[in-house]
Protein backbone atom coordinates (compact mmCIF):
# COMPACT_ATOMS: atom_id res chain seq x y z
CA UNK A 1 -47.44 12.20 -10.83
CA UNK A 2 -45.73 9.90 -13.32
CA UNK A 3 -42.87 12.37 -13.84
CA UNK A 4 -42.17 12.48 -10.11
CA UNK A 5 -42.26 8.68 -9.89
CA UNK A 6 -40.00 8.37 -12.93
CA UNK A 7 -37.54 10.90 -11.44
CA UNK A 8 -37.56 9.04 -8.12
CA UNK A 9 -36.85 5.70 -9.81
CA UNK A 10 -34.02 7.17 -11.91
CA UNK A 11 -32.35 8.73 -8.87
CA UNK A 12 -32.70 5.49 -6.90
CA UNK A 13 -31.09 3.45 -9.66
CA UNK A 14 -28.24 5.94 -10.12
CA UNK A 15 -27.39 6.12 -6.42
CA UNK A 16 -27.44 2.34 -6.03
CA UNK A 17 -25.13 1.98 -9.04
CA UNK A 18 -22.80 4.58 -7.55
CA UNK A 19 -22.69 2.68 -4.25
CA UNK A 20 -21.75 -0.55 -6.03
CA UNK A 21 -19.00 1.24 -7.98
CA UNK A 22 -17.63 2.78 -4.77
CA UNK A 23 -17.58 -0.60 -3.02
CA UNK A 24 -15.72 -2.10 -5.97
CA UNK A 25 -13.14 0.69 -5.90
CA UNK A 26 -12.66 0.31 -2.16
CA UNK A 27 -12.04 -3.41 -2.47
CA UNK A 28 -9.48 -2.83 -5.24
CA UNK A 29 -7.67 -0.21 -3.15
CA UNK A 30 -7.55 -2.56 -0.14
CA UNK A 31 -6.22 -5.37 -2.31
CA UNK A 32 -3.56 -3.09 -3.82
CA UNK A 33 -2.42 -1.92 -0.38
CA UNK A 34 -2.21 -5.51 0.83
CA UNK A 35 -0.10 -6.48 -2.19
CA UNK A 36 2.14 -3.43 -1.76
CA UNK A 37 3.02 -4.41 1.81
CA UNK A 38 5.48 -6.92 0.33
CA UNK A 39 7.04 -4.30 -1.95
CA UNK A 40 10.68 -3.40 -1.49
CA UNK A 41 12.62 -1.18 -3.86
CA UNK A 42 15.91 -2.74 -4.97
CA UNK A 43 18.84 -1.58 -2.86
CA UNK A 44 20.88 -0.17 -5.75
CA UNK A 45 17.91 1.88 -7.00
CA UNK A 46 17.13 3.10 -3.50
CA UNK A 47 20.75 4.11 -2.86
CA UNK A 48 20.81 6.01 -6.16
CA UNK A 49 17.53 7.89 -5.81
CA UNK A 50 16.67 7.77 -2.06
CA UNK A 51 13.42 9.74 -1.67
CA UNK A 52 13.48 11.67 -4.96
CA UNK A 53 11.46 9.24 -7.10
CA UNK A 54 7.93 10.41 -7.96
CA UNK A 55 4.85 8.26 -7.41
CA UNK A 56 4.50 7.82 -11.17
CA UNK A 57 7.93 6.21 -11.53
CA UNK A 58 8.04 2.81 -13.23
CA UNK A 59 9.87 1.40 -10.21
CA UNK A 60 6.59 1.40 -8.27
CA UNK A 61 4.54 -0.49 -10.88
CA UNK A 62 3.02 -3.80 -9.79
CA UNK A 63 4.56 -6.88 -11.36
CA UNK A 64 3.28 -10.38 -12.01
CA UNK A 65 5.19 -11.73 -9.03
CA UNK A 66 3.82 -9.10 -6.62
CA UNK A 67 0.17 -9.49 -7.61
CA UNK A 68 -2.07 -12.42 -6.81
CA UNK A 69 -4.46 -11.81 -9.71
CA UNK A 70 -2.89 -11.01 -13.11
CA UNK A 71 -6.12 -9.41 -14.38
CA UNK A 72 -5.65 -6.58 -11.89
CA UNK A 73 -2.48 -5.38 -13.65
CA UNK A 74 -4.65 -3.74 -16.32
CA UNK A 75 -7.03 -2.06 -13.85
CA UNK A 76 -6.11 1.61 -13.47
CA UNK A 77 -7.58 1.94 -9.97
CA UNK A 78 -5.53 -1.01 -8.71
CA UNK A 79 -2.31 0.19 -10.36
CA UNK A 80 -2.71 3.74 -8.99
CA UNK A 81 -3.42 2.50 -5.45
CA UNK A 82 -0.49 0.05 -5.63
CA UNK A 83 1.89 2.79 -6.77
CA UNK A 84 0.80 5.12 -3.98
CA UNK A 85 1.18 2.42 -1.32
CA UNK A 86 4.58 1.30 -2.66
CA UNK A 87 5.77 4.91 -2.80
CA UNK A 88 4.65 5.51 0.77
CA UNK A 89 6.42 2.37 1.96
CA UNK A 90 9.64 3.44 0.20
CA UNK A 91 9.35 7.02 1.48
CA UNK A 92 9.60 5.86 5.09
CA UNK A 93 12.53 3.52 4.44
CA UNK A 94 15.64 4.29 6.49
CA UNK A 95 19.29 3.28 6.36
CA UNK A 96 20.79 0.90 8.92
CA UNK A 97 22.83 3.80 10.33
CA UNK A 98 19.62 5.67 11.06
CA UNK A 99 18.46 2.73 13.17
CA UNK A 100 21.80 2.60 15.01
CA UNK A 101 21.70 6.34 15.67
CA UNK A 102 18.15 6.31 17.01
CA UNK A 103 18.78 3.18 19.10
CA UNK A 104 22.00 4.69 20.51
CA UNK A 105 20.17 7.89 21.40
CA UNK A 106 17.48 5.95 23.22
CA UNK A 107 20.07 3.88 25.10
CA UNK A 108 22.03 7.01 26.10
CA UNK A 109 18.83 8.68 27.30
CA UNK A 110 17.91 5.67 29.42
CA UNK A 111 21.41 5.57 30.92
CA UNK A 112 21.29 9.25 31.86
CA UNK A 113 17.79 8.87 33.32
CA UNK A 114 18.81 5.84 35.41
CA UNK A 115 21.96 7.60 36.66
CA UNK A 116 19.94 10.67 37.64
CA UNK A 117 17.33 8.49 39.41
CA UNK A 118 20.05 6.71 41.38
CA UNK A 119 21.68 9.98 42.39
CA UNK A 120 18.35 11.53 43.41
CA UNK A 121 16.92 8.60 45.37
CA UNK A 122 20.02 6.86 46.76
CA UNK A 123 22.30 9.90 47.19
CA UNK A 124 20.52 11.52 50.20
CA UNK A 125 20.59 8.28 52.23
CA UNK A 126 24.37 8.02 51.88
CA UNK A 127 26.06 10.10 54.56
């Protein structure tokens, strides 16, 4: 009877400790992602390497100016989450010409669609 009670108490304590640890990790990851939203790789570095830098590169490390709490710079969970978020933000970065090309394609598509709509709906009424 006492062994079963002892086992139950041990398992209860271990699972509650694991839940607290998980909540702490989740809050650090959220904080790192929030701090990494302001991250921007320097233009000369980005032009040199584009999307070839690995997540572990020193360019994605958090700095004192990008972090609200300096004590977090030594926390491995925070640093890893910050690097991943900064890498992801840099991975989806595009050049200005990409924006012009996509915007021009959308504008051309709208022009063709409007011209076709005018021809289809107004054309038969014109004799």
